[in-house]
């Protein structure tokens, strides 16, 4: 499920929710680190690259658990 809106700081908010296996709470702090992966064949670059692009445009990205199952990824980008 993908939704968009405005957050309180005059930025666009994009929210992506899934109902997959979810996120390991122990790995949340490293989720956006380069070379960190939870997949056997993963390179650990995808979310790190996403963070770099979003931050380069003045935004931020974060992830939380989607209760009862799955993950929620959210990011903001400035309107102007």
PDB file of N, CA and C in Angstrom:
ATOM      1  N   UNK A   1       0.846  -1.166   0.000  1.00  0.00           N
ATOM      2  CA  UNK A   1       0.000   0.000   0.000  1.00  0.00           C
ATOM      3  C   UNK A   1       0.892   1.230   0.000  1.00  0.00           C
ATOM      4  N   UNK A   2       0.678   2.129  -0.939  1.00  0.00           N
ATOM      5  CA  UNK A   2       1.463   3.350  -1.038  1.00  0.00           C
ATOM      6  C   UNK A   2       0.525   4.532  -0.835  1.00  0.00           C
ATOM      7  N   UNK A   3       0.933   5.454   0.036  1.00  0.00           N
ATOM      8  CA  UNK A   3       0.130   6.660   0.243  1.00  0.00           C
ATOM      9  C   UNK A   3       1.047   7.873   0.275  1.00  0.00           C
ATOM     10  N   UNK A   4       0.472   9.033  -0.022  1.00  0.00           N
ATOM     11  CA  UNK A   4       1.225  10.279  -0.012  1.00  0.00           C
ATOM     12  C   UNK A   4       0.420  11.350   0.709  1.00  0.00           C
ATOM     13  N   UNK A   5       1.098  12.374   1.146  1.00  0.00           N
ATOM     14  CA  UNK A   5       0.448  13.499   1.803  1.00  0.00           C
ATOM     15  C   UNK A   5       1.493  14.529   2.162  1.00  0.00           C
ATOM     16  N   UNK A   6       1.083  15.501   2.988  1.00  0.00           N
ATOM     17  CA  UNK A   6       2.010  16.512   3.482  1.00  0.00           C
ATOM     18  C   UNK A   6       2.255  16.253   4.953  1.00  0.00           C
ATOM     19  N   UNK A   7       3.501  16.450   5.371  1.00  0.00           N
ATOM     20  CA  UNK A   7       3.763  16.346   6.812  1.00  0.00           C
ATOM     21  C   UNK A   7       3.685  17.749   7.415  1.00  0.00           C
ATOM     22  N   UNK A   8       3.934  17.875   8.691  1.00  0.00           N
ATOM     23  CA  UNK A   8       3.792  19.145   9.375  1.00  0.00           C
ATOM     24  C   UNK A   8       4.836  20.187   9.035  1.00  0.00           C
ATOM     25  N   UNK A   9       5.899  19.818   8.334  1.00  0.00           N
ATOM     26  CA  UNK A   9       6.977  20.771   8.044  1.00  0.00           C
ATOM     27  C   UNK A   9       7.010  21.183   6.575  1.00  0.00           C
ATOM     28  N   UNK A  10       5.865  21.216   5.937  1.00  0.00           N
ATOM     29  CA  UNK A  10       5.748  21.621   4.530  1.00  0.00           C
ATOM     30  C   UNK A  10       6.598  20.742   3.608  1.00  0.00           C
ATOM     31  N   UNK A  11       6.512  19.446   3.836  1.00  0.00           N
ATOM     32  CA  UNK A  11       7.210  18.470   3.002  1.00  0.00           C
ATOM     33  C   UNK A  11       6.212  17.422   2.530  1.00  0.00           C
ATOM     34  N   UNK A  12       6.548  16.767   1.449  1.00  0.00           N
ATOM     35  CA  UNK A  12       5.753  15.643   0.949  1.00  0.00           C
ATOM     36  C   UNK A  12       6.153  14.403   1.729  1.00  0.00           C
ATOM     37  N   UNK A  13       5.182  13.638   2.165  1.00  0.00           N
ATOM     38  CA  UNK A  13       5.417  12.391   2.888  1.00  0.00           C
ATOM     39  C   UNK A  13       4.934  11.234   2.022  1.00  0.00           C
ATOM     40  N   UNK A  14       5.793  10.251   1.803  1.00  0.00           N
ATOM     41  CA  UNK A  14       5.442   9.041   1.064  1.00  0.00           C
ATOM     42  C   UNK A  14       5.571   7.872   2.036  1.00  0.00           C
ATOM     43  N   UNK A  15       4.524   7.038   2.099  1.00  0.00           N
ATOM     44  CA  UNK A  15       4.503   5.894   3.005  1.00  0.00           C
ATOM     45  C   UNK A  15       4.259   4.634   2.178  1.00  0.00           C
ATOM     46  N   UNK A  16       5.116   3.638   2.357  1.00  0.00           N
ATOM     47  CA  UNK A  16       4.979   2.348   1.676  1.00  0.00           C
ATOM     48  C   UNK A  16       4.854   1.275   2.754  1.00  0.00           C
ATOM     49  N   UNK A  17       3.724   0.556   2.754  1.00  0.00           N
ATOM     50  CA  UNK A  17       3.470  -0.504   3.741  1.00  0.00           C
ATOM     51  C   UNK A  17       3.379  -1.844   3.019  1.00  0.00           C
ATOM     52  N   UNK A  18       3.918  -2.877   3.655  1.00  0.00           N
ATOM     53  CA  UNK A  18       3.743  -4.218   3.115  1.00  0.00           C
ATOM     54  C   UNK A  18       3.304  -5.161   4.222  1.00  0.00           C
ATOM     55  N   UNK A  19       2.978  -6.375   3.848  1.00  0.00           N
ATOM     56  CA  UNK A  19       2.547  -7.380   4.828  1.00  0.00           C
ATOM     57  C   UNK A  19       3.451  -8.600   4.768  1.00  0.00           C
ATOM     58  N   UNK A  20       4.706  -8.379   4.424  1.00  0.00           N
ATOM     59  CA  UNK A  20       5.682  -9.459   4.315  1.00  0.00           C
ATOM     60  C   UNK A  20       6.188  -9.912   5.671  1.00  0.00           C
ATOM     61  N   UNK A  21       7.385 -10.486   5.709  1.00  0.00           N
ATOM     62  CA  UNK A  21       7.923 -11.041   6.958  1.00  0.00           C
ATOM     63  C   UNK A  21       8.305  -9.987   7.987  1.00  0.00           C
ATOM     64  N   UNK A  22       8.396  -8.734   7.593  1.00  0.00           N
ATOM     65  CA  UNK A  22       8.704  -7.678   8.549  1.00  0.00           C
ATOM     66  C   UNK A  22      10.192  -7.430   8.707  1.00  0.00           C
ATOM     67  N   UNK A  23      10.519  -6.625   9.703  1.00  0.00           N
ATOM     68  CA  UNK A  23      11.896  -6.216   9.954  1.00  0.00           C
ATOM     69  C   UNK A  23      12.374  -6.781  11.280  1.00  0.00           C
ATOM     70  N   UNK A  24      13.624  -7.197  11.301  1.00  0.00           N
ATOM     71  CA  UNK A  24      14.232  -7.671  12.539  1.00  0.00           C
ATOM     72  C   UNK A  24      14.521  -6.465  13.428  1.00  0.00           C
ATOM     73  N   UNK A  25      13.932  -6.386  14.610  1.00  0.00           N
ATOM     74  CA  UNK A  25      14.159  -5.220  15.483  1.00  0.00           C
ATOM     75  C   UNK A  25      15.634  -4.975  15.780  1.00  0.00           C
ATOM     76  N   UNK A  26      16.436  -6.021  15.831  1.00  0.00           N
ATOM     77  CA  UNK A  26      17.865  -5.857  16.111  1.00  0.00           C
ATOM     78  C   UNK A  26      18.612  -5.206  14.944  1.00  0.00           C
ATOM     79  N   UNK A  27      18.080  -5.320  13.732  1.00  0.00           N
ATOM     80  CA  UNK A  27      18.746  -4.758  12.565  1.00  0.00           C
ATOM     81  C   UNK A  27      18.236  -3.397  12.149  1.00  0.00           C
ATOM     82  N   UNK A  28      17.217  -2.879  12.822  1.00  0.00           N
ATOM     83  CA  UNK A  28      16.635  -1.590  12.425  1.00  0.00           C
ATOM     84  C   UNK A  28      17.657  -0.462  12.413  1.00  0.00           C
ATOM     85  N   UNK A  29      18.548  -0.433  13.354  1.00  0.00           N
ATOM     86  CA  UNK A  29      19.545   0.628  13.431  1.00  0.00           C
ATOM     87  C   UNK A  29      20.543   0.610  12.295  1.00  0.00           C
ATOM     88  N   UNK A  30      20.703  -0.527  11.653  1.00  0.00           N
ATOM     89  CA  UNK A  30      21.683  -0.676  10.563  1.00  0.00           C
ATOM     90  C   UNK A  30      21.035  -0.765   9.194  1.00  0.00           C
ATOM     91  N   UNK A  31      19.722  -0.732   9.142  1.00  0.00           N
ATOM     92  CA  UNK A  31      18.972  -0.997   7.923  1.00  0.00           C
ATOM     93  C   UNK A  31      19.428  -0.166   6.727  1.00  0.00           C
ATOM     94  N   UNK A  32      19.820   1.084   6.956  1.00  0.00           N
ATOM     95  CA  UNK A  32      20.207   1.978   5.863  1.00  0.00           C
ATOM     96  C   UNK A  32      21.723   2.095   5.705  1.00  0.00           C
ATOM     97  N   UNK A  33      22.481   1.275   6.432  1.00  0.00           N
ATOM     98  CA  UNK A  33      23.942   1.280   6.316  1.00  0.00           C
ATOM     99  C   UNK A  33      24.381   0.563   5.046  1.00  0.00           C
ATOM    100  N   UNK A  34      25.402   1.102   4.397  1.00  0.00           N
ATOM    101  CA  UNK A  34      25.959   0.448   3.212  1.00  0.00           C
ATOM    102  C   UNK A  34      26.521  -0.923   3.601  1.00  0.00           C
ATOM    103  N   UNK A  35      26.293  -1.897   2.772  1.00  0.00           N
ATOM    104  CA  UNK A  35      26.781  -3.270   2.887  1.00  0.00           C
ATOM    105  C   UNK A  35      26.059  -4.095   3.958  1.00  0.00           C
ATOM    106  N   UNK A  36      25.041  -3.555   4.598  1.00  0.00           N
ATOM    107  CA  UNK A  36      24.245  -4.338   5.550  1.00  0.00           C
ATOM    108  C   UNK A  36      23.093  -4.980   4.780  1.00  0.00           C
ATOM    109  N   UNK A  37      22.973  -6.285   4.874  1.00  0.00           N
ATOM    110  CA  UNK A  37      21.907  -6.996   4.181  1.00  0.00           C
ATOM    111  C   UNK A  37      21.353  -8.109   5.059  1.00  0.00           C
ATOM    112  N   UNK A  38      20.110  -8.443   4.827  1.00  0.00           N
ATOM    113  CA  UNK A  38      19.473  -9.571   5.507  1.00  0.00           C
ATOM    114  C   UNK A  38      19.172 -10.685   4.518  1.00  0.00           C
ATOM    115  N   UNK A  39      19.540 -10.467   3.257  1.00  0.00           N
ATOM    116  CA  UNK A  39      19.263 -11.448   2.201  1.00  0.00           C
ATOM    117  C   UNK A  39      20.529 -12.234   1.863  1.00  0.00           C
ATOM    118  N   UNK A  40      20.398 -13.538   1.637  1.00  0.00           N
ATOM    119  CA  UNK A  40      21.578 -14.352   1.320  1.00  0.00           C
ATOM    120  C   UNK A  40      22.370 -13.840   0.120  1.00  0.00           C
ATOM    121  N   UNK A  41      21.704 -13.373  -0.922  1.00  0.00           N
ATOM    122  CA  UNK A  41      22.397 -12.885  -2.113  1.00  0.00           C
ATOM    123  C   UNK A  41      22.402 -11.377  -2.214  1.00  0.00           C
ATOM    124  N   UNK A  42      22.065 -10.679  -1.131  1.00  0.00           N
ATOM    125  CA  UNK A  42      21.973  -9.220  -1.167  1.00  0.00           C
ATOM    126  C   UNK A  42      23.329  -8.545  -1.113  1.00  0.00           C
ATOM    127  N   UNK A  43      23.389  -7.356  -1.709  1.00  0.00           N
ATOM    128  CA  UNK A  43      24.625  -6.576  -1.684  1.00  0.00           C
ATOM    129  C   UNK A  43      24.609  -5.538  -0.567  1.00  0.00           C
ATOM    130  N   UNK A  44      23.447  -5.208  -0.024  1.00  0.00           N
ATOM    131  CA  UNK A  44      23.373  -4.230   1.045  1.00  0.00           C
ATOM    132  C   UNK A  44      23.552  -2.802   0.576  1.00  0.00           C
ATOM    133  N   UNK A  45      23.170  -2.516  -0.656  1.00  0.00           N
ATOM    134  CA  UNK A  45      23.353  -1.168  -1.189  1.00  0.00           C
ATOM    135  C   UNK A  45      22.041  -0.438  -1.456  1.00  0.00           C
ATOM    136  N   UNK A  46      20.950  -1.142  -1.662  1.00  0.00           N
ATOM    137  CA  UNK A  46      19.692  -0.535  -2.086  1.00  0.00           C
ATOM    138  C   UNK A  46      19.169   0.554  -1.166  1.00  0.00           C
ATOM    139  N   UNK A  47      18.995   0.232   0.114  1.00  0.00           N
ATOM    140  CA  UNK A  47      18.449   1.221   1.050  1.00  0.00           C
ATOM    141  C   UNK A  47      19.454   2.314   1.360  1.00  0.00           C
ATOM    142  N   UNK A  48      20.735   1.998   1.312  1.00  0.00           N
ATOM    143  CA  UNK A  48      21.769   3.009   1.512  1.00  0.00           C
ATOM    144  C   UNK A  48      21.735   4.038   0.378  1.00  0.00           C
ATOM    145  N   UNK A  49      21.566   3.568  -0.844  1.00  0.00           N
ATOM    146  CA  UNK A  49      21.465   4.464  -1.997  1.00  0.00           C
ATOM    147  C   UNK A  49      20.194   5.305  -1.902  1.00  0.00           C
ATOM    148  N   UNK A  50      19.084   4.684  -1.509  1.00  0.00           N
ATOM    149  CA  UNK A  50      17.836   5.438  -1.325  1.00  0.00           C
ATOM    150  C   UNK A  50      18.037   6.562  -0.325  1.00  0.00           C
ATOM    151  N   UNK A  51      18.668   6.244   0.805  1.00  0.00           N
ATOM    152  CA  UNK A  51      18.901   7.265   1.830  1.00  0.00           C
ATOM    153  C   UNK A  51      19.758   8.396   1.287  1.00  0.00           C
ATOM    154  N   UNK A  52      20.813   8.063   0.564  1.00  0.00           N
ATOM    155  CA  UNK A  52      21.703   9.088   0.008  1.00  0.00           C
ATOM    156  C   UNK A  52      20.962  10.023  -0.938  1.00  0.00           C
ATOM    157  N   UNK A  53      20.138   9.484  -1.801  1.00  0.00           N
ATOM    158  CA  UNK A  53      19.387  10.299  -2.755  1.00  0.00           C
ATOM    159  C   UNK A  53      18.384  11.190  -2.031  1.00  0.00           C
ATOM    160  N   UNK A  54      17.638  10.616  -1.101  1.00  0.00           N
ATOM    161  CA  UNK A  54      16.626  11.383  -0.373  1.00  0.00           C
ATOM    162  C   UNK A  54      17.283  12.490   0.450  1.00  0.00           C
ATOM    163  N   UNK A  55      18.363  12.178   1.174  1.00  0.00           N
ATOM    164  CA  UNK A  55      19.036  13.197   1.973  1.00  0.00           C
ATOM    165  C   UNK A  55      19.677  14.278   1.106  1.00  0.00           C
ATOM    166  N   UNK A  56      20.161  13.915  -0.081  1.00  0.00           N
ATOM    167  CA  UNK A  56      20.743  14.900  -0.992  1.00  0.00           C
ATOM    168  C   UNK A  56      19.698  15.911  -1.456  1.00  0.00           C
ATOM    169  N   UNK A  57      18.430  15.521  -1.396  1.00  0.00           N
ATOM    170  CA  UNK A  57      17.337  16.414  -1.785  1.00  0.00           C
ATOM    171  C   UNK A  57      16.658  17.055  -0.571  1.00  0.00           C
ATOM    172  N   UNK A  58      17.295  16.959   0.592  1.00  0.00           N
ATOM    173  CA  UNK A  58      16.783  17.615   1.786  1.00  0.00           C
ATOM    174  C   UNK A  58      15.724  16.839   2.544  1.00  0.00           C
ATOM    175  N   UNK A  59      15.580  15.557   2.266  1.00  0.00           N
ATOM    176  CA  UNK A  59      14.575  14.744   2.941  1.00  0.00           C
ATOM    177  C   UNK A  59      15.181  13.785   3.936  1.00  0.00           C
ATOM    178  N   UNK A  60      14.321  12.914   4.444  1.00  0.00           N
ATOM    179  CA  UNK A  60      14.801  11.858   5.339  1.00  0.00           C
ATOM    180  C   UNK A  60      13.961  10.614   5.108  1.00  0.00           C
ATOM    181  N   UNK A  61      14.495   9.460   5.496  1.00  0.00           N
ATOM    182  CA  UNK A  61      13.828   8.174   5.317  1.00  0.00           C
ATOM    183  C   UNK A  61      13.965   7.370   6.600  1.00  0.00           C
ATOM    184  N   UNK A  62      12.925   6.587   6.918  1.00  0.00           N
ATOM    185  CA  UNK A  62      12.964   5.729   8.102  1.00  0.00           C
ATOM    186  C   UNK A  62      12.033   4.546   7.895  1.00  0.00           C
ATOM    187  N   UNK A  63      12.188   3.545   8.752  1.00  0.00           N
ATOM    188  CA  UNK A  63      11.393   2.321   8.667  1.00  0.00           C
ATOM    189  C   UNK A  63      10.906   1.923  10.049  1.00  0.00           C
ATOM    190  N   UNK A  64       9.709   1.324  10.081  1.00  0.00           N
ATOM    191  CA  UNK A  64       9.122   0.818  11.318  1.00  0.00           C
ATOM    192  C   UNK A  64       8.391  -0.479  11.001  1.00  0.00           C
ATOM    193  N   UNK A  65       7.960  -1.162  12.043  1.00  0.00           N
ATOM    194  CA  UNK A  65       7.176  -2.385  11.860  1.00  0.00           C
ATOM    195  C   UNK A  65       5.750  -2.022  11.443  1.00  0.00           C
ATOM    196  N   UNK A  66       5.147  -2.846  10.614  1.00  0.00           N
ATOM    197  CA  UNK A  66       3.748  -2.712  10.234  1.00  0.00           C
ATOM    198  C   UNK A  66       2.975  -3.748  11.041  1.00  0.00           C
ATOM    199  N   UNK A  67       2.280  -3.312  12.054  1.00  0.00           N
ATOM    200  CA  UNK A  67       1.559  -4.215  12.950  1.00  0.00           C
ATOM    201  C   UNK A  67       0.276  -4.678  12.275  1.00  0.00           C
ATOM    202  N   UNK A  68      -0.038  -5.962  12.233  1.00  0.00           N
ATOM    203  CA  UNK A  68       0.603  -7.049  12.948  1.00  0.00           C
ATOM    204  C   UNK A  68       1.742  -7.714  12.182  1.00  0.00           C
ATOM    205  N   UNK A  69       1.924  -7.400  10.893  1.00  0.00           N
ATOM    206  CA  UNK A  69       2.965  -8.066  10.111  1.00  0.00           C
ATOM    207  C   UNK A  69       3.421  -7.154   8.994  1.00  0.00           C
ATOM    208  N   UNK A  70       4.709  -7.180   8.702  1.00  0.00           N
ATOM    209  CA  UNK A  70       5.240  -6.414   7.587  1.00  0.00           C
ATOM    210  C   UNK A  70       6.117  -5.269   8.019  1.00  0.00           C
ATOM    211  N   UNK A  71       6.333  -4.351   7.081  1.00  0.00           N
ATOM    212  CA  UNK A  71       7.206  -3.205   7.306  1.00  0.00           C
ATOM    213  C   UNK A  71       6.549  -1.951   6.746  1.00  0.00           C
ATOM    214  N   UNK A  72       6.957  -0.819   7.298  1.00  0.00           N
ATOM    215  CA  UNK A  72       6.520   0.491   6.801  1.00  0.00           C
ATOM    216  C   UNK A  72       7.769   1.312   6.547  1.00  0.00           C
ATOM    217  N   UNK A  73       7.930   1.763   5.316  1.00  0.00           N
ATOM    218  CA  UNK A  73       9.019   2.669   4.955  1.00  0.00           C
ATOM    219  C   UNK A  73       8.397   4.014   4.637  1.00  0.00           C
ATOM    220  N   UNK A  74       8.976   5.077   5.222  1.00  0.00           N
ATOM    221  CA  UNK A  74       8.454   6.412   5.003  1.00  0.00           C
ATOM    222  C   UNK A  74       9.608   7.337   4.639  1.00  0.00           C
ATOM    223  N   UNK A  75       9.314   8.298   3.758  1.00  0.00           N
ATOM    224  CA  UNK A  75      10.311   9.322   3.499  1.00  0.00           C
ATOM    225  C   UNK A  75       9.617  10.644   3.226  1.00  0.00           C
ATOM    226  N   UNK A  76      10.346  11.718   3.515  1.00  0.00           N
ATOM    227  CA  UNK A  76       9.859  13.059   3.244  1.00  0.00           C
ATOM    228  C   UNK A  76      10.811  13.744   2.287  1.00  0.00           C
ATOM    229  N   UNK A  77      10.252  14.664   1.505  1.00  0.00           N
ATOM    230  CA  UNK A  77      11.029  15.530   0.630  1.00  0.00           C
ATOM    231  C   UNK A  77      10.429  16.923   0.724  1.00  0.00           C
ATOM    232  N   UNK A  78      11.260  17.962   0.776  1.00  0.00           N
ATOM    233  CA  UNK A  78      10.740  19.322   0.841  1.00  0.00           C
ATOM    234  C   UNK A  78       9.909  19.667  -0.392  1.00  0.00           C
ATOM    235  N   UNK A  79       8.852  20.448  -0.185  1.00  0.00           N
ATOM    236  CA  UNK A  79       7.986  20.858  -1.298  1.00  0.00           C
ATOM    237  C   UNK A  79       8.744  21.781  -2.232  1.00  0.00           C
ATOM    238  N   UNK A  80       9.447  22.742  -1.686  1.00  0.00           N
ATOM    239  CA  UNK A  80      10.132  23.752  -2.518  1.00  0.00           C
ATOM    240  C   UNK A  80      11.431  23.256  -2.974  1.00  0.00           C
TER     241      UNK A  80
END
